[in-house]
């Protein structure tokens, strides 16, 4: 693959007040290796990522524990020929136990662990600098000031460019930002998970921090392709998510029907409406839908071109605010790790 790729035009956005500019839609790479059924064939994964670059995507999201480790390797190999044209985000903060096949065992954001983690990530990603380094989950045993200080050291050493947080609450965001500017917060946000609107989004706007919504399609639910009858692969994370029990899927179908109605009006797909809705919220939001399929990648990218008017947004807001979404978004043991 040639080093210079003719990039299609997806508009660019800046994450908050930082100078980190990325395509308005990124690509979440986790599902290629982990979480939603069997891992993709590596060659197919590389081809998909490279096609995304050709289509104008410049922002790629991975993490040390996806796999564990295999997703970073996939992303590193796929992007090596175009490294200077793309932004790679990865995450630290879990203790992985090699004796246990690298399973996530507990949180670990101790500064010395972060400094070990960055070396592994740099190696697997085949790069000498990580563009955006997120703390994957807030570690209650390590003051966030120590975490921010460790990442600040890595930035001064030239190993990392930008500091990010994932699923952090308002107080943690403020405390971290006071030590070193936080470029982006990554958390779940979509038409069927709007909790960040209460406190998180106003705080990000005030501090000039970008927002990277993951699961912008509700882990696939907002595409309209999942019904109460859908059976997931045995290795699919959604099997243990309360929101995805058959009865909750049936109750939550109302959200999908709403998105579907707007999709028909706009001659778009439900996924494109769900992504366009996020993009219309704030200019500093960059959703990162994941996929393993080329036609879904093309469809998602098309979402960046769908324009929703203020009237559309008002109608969607009015209708969606009347639909109570059923079921927690994580099983109980994982729920306690978010928004600390």
Protein backbone atom coordinates (compact mmCIF):
# COMPACT_ATOMS: atom_id res chain seq x y z
CA UNK A 1 0.00 0.00 0.00
CA UNK A 2 1.43 3.33 -1.01
CA UNK A 3 2.37 5.74 1.71
CA UNK A 4 0.27 8.52 0.30
CA UNK A 5 -3.38 7.70 0.08
CA UNK A 6 -5.87 9.90 -1.69
CA UNK A 7 -8.21 10.70 1.12
CA UNK A 8 -11.92 11.10 0.56
CA UNK A 9 -13.47 14.05 2.25
CA UNK A 10 -14.87 13.45 5.67
CA UNK A 11 -14.89 16.77 7.44
CA UNK A 12 -12.31 17.25 10.15
CA UNK A 13 -12.97 18.21 13.76
CA UNK A 14 -10.77 19.37 16.63
CA UNK A 15 -11.10 17.62 19.96
CA UNK A 16 -11.90 20.48 22.31
CA UNK A 17 -9.37 23.28 22.61
CA UNK A 18 -6.48 20.96 21.81
CA UNK A 19 -4.86 21.08 18.40
CA UNK A 20 -5.70 17.40 17.84
CA UNK A 21 -7.55 17.31 14.53
CA UNK A 22 -9.25 14.11 13.41
CA UNK A 23 -11.90 12.96 10.93
CA UNK A 24 -15.43 13.71 12.19
CA UNK A 25 -15.96 9.94 12.50
CA UNK A 26 -13.33 7.62 13.86
CA UNK A 27 -13.14 3.83 13.76
CA UNK A 28 -13.46 1.80 16.95
CA UNK A 29 -11.32 -1.28 16.35
CA UNK A 30 -12.11 -3.35 19.47
CA UNK A 31 -14.71 -5.60 17.85
CA UNK A 32 -12.22 -6.81 15.25
CA UNK A 33 -10.40 -8.76 17.97
CA UNK A 34 -12.64 -8.95 20.97
CA UNK A 35 -16.02 -8.46 22.62
CA UNK A 36 -18.55 -9.06 19.86
CA UNK A 37 -18.00 -12.65 18.81
CA UNK A 38 -14.96 -14.35 17.22
CA UNK A 39 -11.96 -12.25 16.18
CA UNK A 40 -11.70 -11.27 12.52
CA UNK A 41 -9.16 -12.85 10.26
CA UNK A 42 -6.08 -10.62 10.56
CA UNK A 43 -5.74 -10.01 6.82
CA UNK A 44 -9.40 -8.96 6.62
CA UNK A 45 -8.97 -6.67 9.63
CA UNK A 46 -5.96 -4.99 8.04
CA UNK A 47 -7.84 -4.56 4.76
CA UNK A 48 -10.82 -3.00 6.57
CA UNK A 49 -8.66 -0.51 8.49
CA UNK A 50 -6.77 0.46 5.34
CA UNK A 51 -10.03 0.94 3.44
CA UNK A 52 -11.17 3.27 6.23
CA UNK A 53 -8.02 5.36 5.67
CA UNK A 54 -8.73 5.47 1.93
CA UNK A 55 -12.25 6.69 2.71
CA UNK A 56 -10.90 9.57 4.80
CA UNK A 57 -10.99 8.18 8.36
CA UNK A 58 -7.94 9.42 10.27
CA UNK A 59 -8.83 8.45 13.87
CA UNK A 60 -8.41 4.87 15.12
CA UNK A 61 -9.24 3.58 18.58
CA UNK A 62 -7.76 0.54 20.31
CA UNK A 63 -6.57 -0.53 23.79
CA UNK A 64 -3.97 -2.71 25.43
CA UNK A 65 -6.59 -5.12 26.78
CA UNK A 66 -8.54 -5.65 23.56
CA UNK A 67 -7.59 -9.21 22.82
CA UNK A 68 -5.59 -8.61 25.09
CA UNK A 69 -2.78 -7.14 23.00
CA UNK A 70 -3.87 -8.54 19.60
CA UNK A 71 -5.96 -5.51 18.66
CA UNK A 72 -3.05 -3.10 19.08
CA UNK A 73 -0.92 -5.42 16.93
CA UNK A 74 -3.59 -5.46 14.22
CA UNK A 75 -3.99 -1.66 14.26
CA UNK A 76 -0.22 -1.14 14.29
CA UNK A 77 0.37 -3.37 11.30
CA UNK A 78 -2.55 -1.94 9.33
CA UNK A 79 -1.56 1.69 9.86
CA UNK A 80 2.25 1.39 9.64
CA UNK A 81 2.36 2.43 5.94
CA UNK A 82 0.28 5.58 6.60
CA UNK A 83 1.35 6.33 10.15
CA UNK A 84 2.01 10.03 9.56
CA UNK A 85 -1.51 10.58 8.20
CA UNK A 86 -3.50 9.06 11.06
CA UNK A 87 -4.20 9.54 14.76
CA UNK A 88 -3.96 6.45 16.98
CA UNK A 89 -5.65 6.36 20.38
CA UNK A 90 -4.99 3.55 22.85
CA UNK A 91 -5.66 2.97 26.55
CA UNK A 92 -3.87 1.85 29.70
CA UNK A 93 -4.97 1.02 33.21
CA UNK A 94 -5.70 -2.67 33.56
CA UNK A 95 -3.48 -5.22 35.22
CA UNK A 96 -3.22 -8.14 32.85
CA UNK A 97 -2.04 -11.47 34.13
CA UNK A 98 0.16 -13.36 31.61
CA UNK A 99 -0.32 -16.62 33.59
CA UNK A 100 -4.02 -16.27 32.95
CA UNK A 101 -3.68 -15.83 29.18
CA UNK A 102 -3.55 -12.07 29.66
CA UNK A 103 -7.04 -11.77 31.16
CA UNK A 104 -8.01 -8.40 32.65
CA UNK A 105 -7.58 -9.06 36.35
CA UNK A 106 -7.95 -5.68 38.04
CA UNK A 107 -7.43 -1.99 37.49
CA UNK A 108 -3.87 -0.70 37.74
CA UNK A 109 -3.07 2.93 37.00
CA UNK A 110 0.00 3.19 39.21
CA UNK A 111 2.55 5.48 37.53
CA UNK A 112 5.17 2.73 37.20
CA UNK A 113 2.57 0.46 35.54
CA UNK A 114 1.57 3.23 33.10
CA UNK A 115 5.22 3.66 32.15
CA UNK A 116 5.52 -0.09 31.46
CA UNK A 117 2.23 -0.14 29.54
CA UNK A 118 3.28 2.63 27.17
CA UNK A 119 6.35 0.66 26.08
CA UNK A 120 4.24 -2.38 25.17
CA UNK A 121 1.70 -0.26 23.31
CA UNK A 122 4.39 1.61 21.35
CA UNK A 123 5.95 -1.70 20.31
CA UNK A 124 2.68 -3.35 19.26
CA UNK A 125 1.47 -0.22 17.45
CA UNK A 126 4.81 -0.04 15.57
CA UNK A 127 5.16 3.64 16.39
CA UNK A 128 7.41 5.92 18.40
CA UNK A 129 4.58 8.08 19.74
CA UNK A 130 0.95 7.53 20.80
CA UNK A 131 -1.29 10.38 19.68
CA UNK A 132 -3.91 10.00 22.42
CA UNK A 133 -3.36 7.92 25.57
CA UNK A 134 -6.48 7.29 27.63
CA UNK A 135 -6.83 5.97 31.15
CA UNK A 136 -9.23 3.11 30.37
CA UNK A 137 -11.14 3.27 33.66
CA UNK A 138 -10.67 5.37 36.78
CA UNK A 139 -8.60 3.47 39.36
CA UNK A 140 -9.94 4.20 42.88
CA UNK A 141 -6.61 3.16 44.41
CA UNK A 142 -4.51 5.75 42.57
CA UNK A 143 -5.10 9.50 42.86
CA UNK A 144 -5.95 10.86 39.42
CA UNK A 145 -3.27 13.54 39.99
CA UNK A 146 -0.64 10.75 39.97
CA UNK A 147 -2.08 9.32 36.76
CA UNK A 148 -2.11 12.71 35.05
CA UNK A 149 1.43 13.35 36.30
CA UNK A 150 2.67 10.05 34.83
CA UNK A 151 1.10 10.80 31.43
CA UNK A 152 2.50 14.34 31.59
CA UNK A 153 5.98 12.79 32.02
CA UNK A 154 5.39 10.58 28.96
CA UNK A 155 4.28 13.65 26.97
CA UNK A 156 7.45 15.49 28.02
CA UNK A 157 9.50 12.45 26.94
CA UNK A 158 7.82 12.53 23.52
CA UNK A 159 6.20 9.09 23.87
CA UNK A 160 2.65 10.44 24.03
CA UNK A 161 1.05 13.55 22.51
CA UNK A 162 -2.31 13.87 24.28
CA UNK A 163 -3.90 12.70 27.54
CA UNK A 164 -7.41 11.25 27.63
CA UNK A 165 -9.84 9.75 30.14
CA UNK A 166 -12.54 7.14 29.66
CA UNK A 167 -15.80 6.86 31.62
CA UNK A 168 -14.59 9.34 34.24
CA UNK A 169 -16.93 11.48 36.35
CA UNK A 170 -16.90 15.27 36.59
CA UNK A 171 -14.68 15.60 39.68
CA UNK A 172 -12.03 13.27 38.27
CA UNK A 173 -12.04 15.15 34.97
CA UNK A 174 -11.51 18.48 36.76
CA UNK A 175 -8.72 17.15 38.98
CA UNK A 176 -6.89 15.50 36.09
CA UNK A 177 -7.25 18.57 33.88
CA UNK A 178 -5.68 20.74 36.60
CA UNK A 179 -2.48 18.66 36.42
CA UNK A 180 -2.31 18.26 32.65
CA UNK A 181 -4.89 19.36 30.05
CA UNK A 182 -7.21 16.52 29.13
CA UNK A 183 -7.68 16.45 25.35
CA UNK A 184 -10.64 14.07 25.22
CA UNK A 185 -13.06 12.06 27.30
CA UNK A 186 -14.29 8.80 25.83
CA UNK A 187 -17.60 7.52 27.20
CA UNK A 188 -20.72 5.82 25.95
CA UNK A 189 -23.22 8.20 24.36
CA UNK A 190 -26.00 7.66 21.87
CA UNK A 191 -29.70 8.20 21.38
CA UNK A 192 -30.31 5.43 23.88
CA UNK A 193 -27.71 6.44 26.47
CA UNK A 194 -27.94 10.18 27.10
CA UNK A 195 -26.74 10.35 30.69
CA UNK A 196 -23.58 12.39 29.82
CA UNK A 197 -25.82 15.34 28.90
CA UNK A 198 -26.62 16.07 32.56
CA UNK A 199 -23.16 16.91 33.95
CA UNK A 200 -20.40 15.56 31.75
CA UNK A 201 -21.02 17.52 28.55
CA UNK A 202 -21.36 20.95 30.22
CA UNK A 203 -18.08 20.28 32.08
CA UNK A 204 -16.27 19.29 28.87
CA UNK A 205 -17.58 22.41 27.13
CA UNK A 206 -16.44 24.62 30.01
CA UNK A 207 -12.94 23.11 30.10
CA UNK A 208 -12.51 22.81 26.32
CA UNK A 209 -12.22 19.00 26.30
CA UNK A 210 -13.28 16.94 23.28
CA UNK A 211 -15.79 14.09 23.55
CA UNK A 212 -15.39 10.72 21.84
CA UNK A 213 -18.62 8.72 22.13
CA UNK A 214 -18.15 4.97 21.95
CA UNK A 215 -21.08 2.66 21.12
CA UNK A 216 -22.74 5.54 19.22
CA UNK A 217 -24.97 2.89 17.60
CA UNK A 218 -25.90 1.38 20.96
CA UNK A 219 -23.62 -1.65 20.46
CA UNK A 220 -25.43 -2.27 17.18
CA UNK A 221 -28.96 -1.89 18.52
CA UNK A 222 -29.72 1.43 16.80
CA UNK A 223 -29.01 -0.06 13.36
CA UNK A 224 -32.38 -1.82 13.57
CA UNK A 225 -30.74 -5.17 12.80
CA UNK A 226 -31.16 -6.60 16.32
CA UNK A 227 -34.57 -7.81 17.55
CA UNK A 228 -35.75 -9.70 20.61
CA UNK A 229 -35.22 -12.90 18.56
CA UNK A 230 -31.55 -12.17 17.75
CA UNK A 231 -29.11 -14.79 19.08
CA UNK A 232 -25.57 -13.60 19.79
CA UNK A 233 -22.43 -15.70 19.43
CA UNK A 234 -21.38 -17.43 22.69
CA UNK A 235 -18.34 -15.12 22.97
CA UNK A 236 -20.40 -11.95 22.47
CA UNK A 237 -20.28 -9.49 25.38
CA UNK A 238 -23.90 -8.51 24.75
CA UNK A 239 -25.04 -11.84 26.22
CA UNK A 240 -24.29 -10.48 29.71
CA UNK A 241 -25.52 -6.91 29.19
CA UNK A 242 -28.85 -6.32 30.99
CA UNK A 243 -30.02 -3.93 28.27
CA UNK A 244 -29.79 -6.79 25.76
CA UNK A 245 -32.04 -9.33 27.47
CA UNK A 246 -34.82 -10.34 25.04
CA UNK A 247 -37.48 -8.54 27.11
CA UNK A 248 -35.44 -5.34 27.29
CA UNK A 249 -34.72 -5.51 23.57
CA UNK A 250 -38.43 -5.71 22.98
CA UNK A 251 -39.09 -2.71 25.26
CA UNK A 252 -36.26 -0.70 23.70
CA UNK A 253 -37.48 -1.29 20.15
CA UNK A 254 -39.34 2.04 20.41
CA UNK A 255 -36.02 3.92 20.17
CA UNK A 256 -35.12 2.01 17.01
CA UNK A 257 -38.53 2.69 15.49
CA UNK A 258 -38.06 6.41 16.14
CA UNK A 259 -34.65 6.44 14.43
CA UNK A 260 -36.08 4.37 11.57
CA UNK A 261 -38.83 6.93 10.98
CA UNK A 262 -36.29 9.75 10.54
CA UNK A 263 -34.13 7.51 8.36
CA UNK A 264 -37.02 7.08 5.93
CA UNK A 265 -37.64 10.84 5.80
CA UNK A 266 -33.97 11.56 5.13
CA UNK A 267 -33.44 8.63 2.75
CA UNK A 268 -30.71 7.42 5.07
CA UNK A 269 -30.24 4.32 7.23
CA UNK A 270 -31.00 4.20 10.98
CA UNK A 271 -27.25 3.96 11.73
CA UNK A 272 -26.60 7.11 9.69
CA UNK A 273 -29.31 9.02 11.58
CA UNK A 274 -27.90 7.88 14.94
CA UNK A 275 -24.41 9.10 13.95
CA UNK A 276 -25.66 12.34 12.36
CA UNK A 277 -27.56 13.05 15.59
CA UNK A 278 -24.33 12.88 17.63
CA UNK A 279 -22.41 14.97 15.11
CA UNK A 280 -25.14 17.63 15.27
CA UNK A 281 -24.90 17.95 19.06
CA UNK A 282 -21.50 19.68 19.35
CA UNK A 283 -18.63 20.39 16.94
CA UNK A 284 -16.15 18.84 19.40
CA UNK A 285 -17.75 15.38 19.41
CA UNK A 286 -16.23 12.58 17.35
CA UNK A 287 -18.08 9.25 17.54
CA UNK A 288 -16.13 6.04 16.94
CA UNK A 289 -18.49 3.36 15.61
CA UNK A 290 -16.88 -0.03 15.27
CA UNK A 291 -17.54 -2.63 12.60
CA UNK A 292 -16.04 -5.73 11.04
CA UNK A 293 -17.87 -5.32 7.72
CA UNK A 294 -16.90 -3.16 4.77
CA UNK A 295 -20.50 -2.27 3.83
CA UNK A 296 -21.14 -1.09 7.41
CA UNK A 297 -17.98 1.02 7.31
CA UNK A 298 -19.24 2.69 4.13
CA UNK A 299 -22.68 3.17 5.69
CA UNK A 300 -21.26 4.73 8.86
CA UNK A 301 -19.05 7.12 6.89
CA UNK A 302 -22.20 8.16 5.00
CA UNK A 303 -23.65 9.24 8.36
CA UNK A 304 -21.16 12.12 8.46
CA UNK A 305 -22.82 13.58 5.37
CA UNK A 306 -26.41 13.47 6.68
CA UNK A 307 -27.61 16.92 7.73
CA UNK A 308 -30.24 17.13 10.46
CA UNK A 309 -32.02 20.48 10.78
CA UNK A 310 -32.77 22.14 14.11
CA UNK A 311 -36.35 21.06 13.61
CA UNK A 312 -35.28 17.42 13.05
CA UNK A 313 -33.22 17.56 16.22
CA UNK A 314 -36.10 19.03 18.19
CA UNK A 315 -38.45 16.31 16.97
CA UNK A 316 -35.94 13.55 17.75
CA UNK A 317 -35.35 15.02 21.22
CA UNK A 318 -39.03 15.36 21.99
CA UNK A 319 -39.85 11.85 20.87
CA UNK A 320 -36.83 10.15 22.43
CA UNK A 321 -37.27 11.88 25.79
CA UNK A 322 -40.61 10.06 26.13
CA UNK A 323 -39.02 6.62 25.72
CA UNK A 324 -37.57 5.19 28.94
CA UNK A 325 -34.71 2.86 27.96
CA UNK A 326 -34.85 -0.44 29.85
CA UNK A 327 -31.85 -2.23 31.36
CA UNK A 328 -28.41 -1.20 32.63
CA UNK A 329 -25.67 -0.83 30.03
CA UNK A 330 -23.22 -3.05 31.95
CA UNK A 331 -23.55 -6.08 34.22
CA UNK A 332 -23.24 -5.14 37.89
CA UNK A 333 -19.54 -6.02 38.31
CA UNK A 334 -18.59 -3.67 35.45
CA UNK A 335 -21.17 -0.99 36.21
CA UNK A 336 -19.22 0.02 39.31
CA UNK A 337 -16.19 0.90 37.17
CA UNK A 338 -17.85 3.79 35.38
CA UNK A 339 -18.27 7.47 36.16
CA UNK A 340 -16.25 7.45 39.35
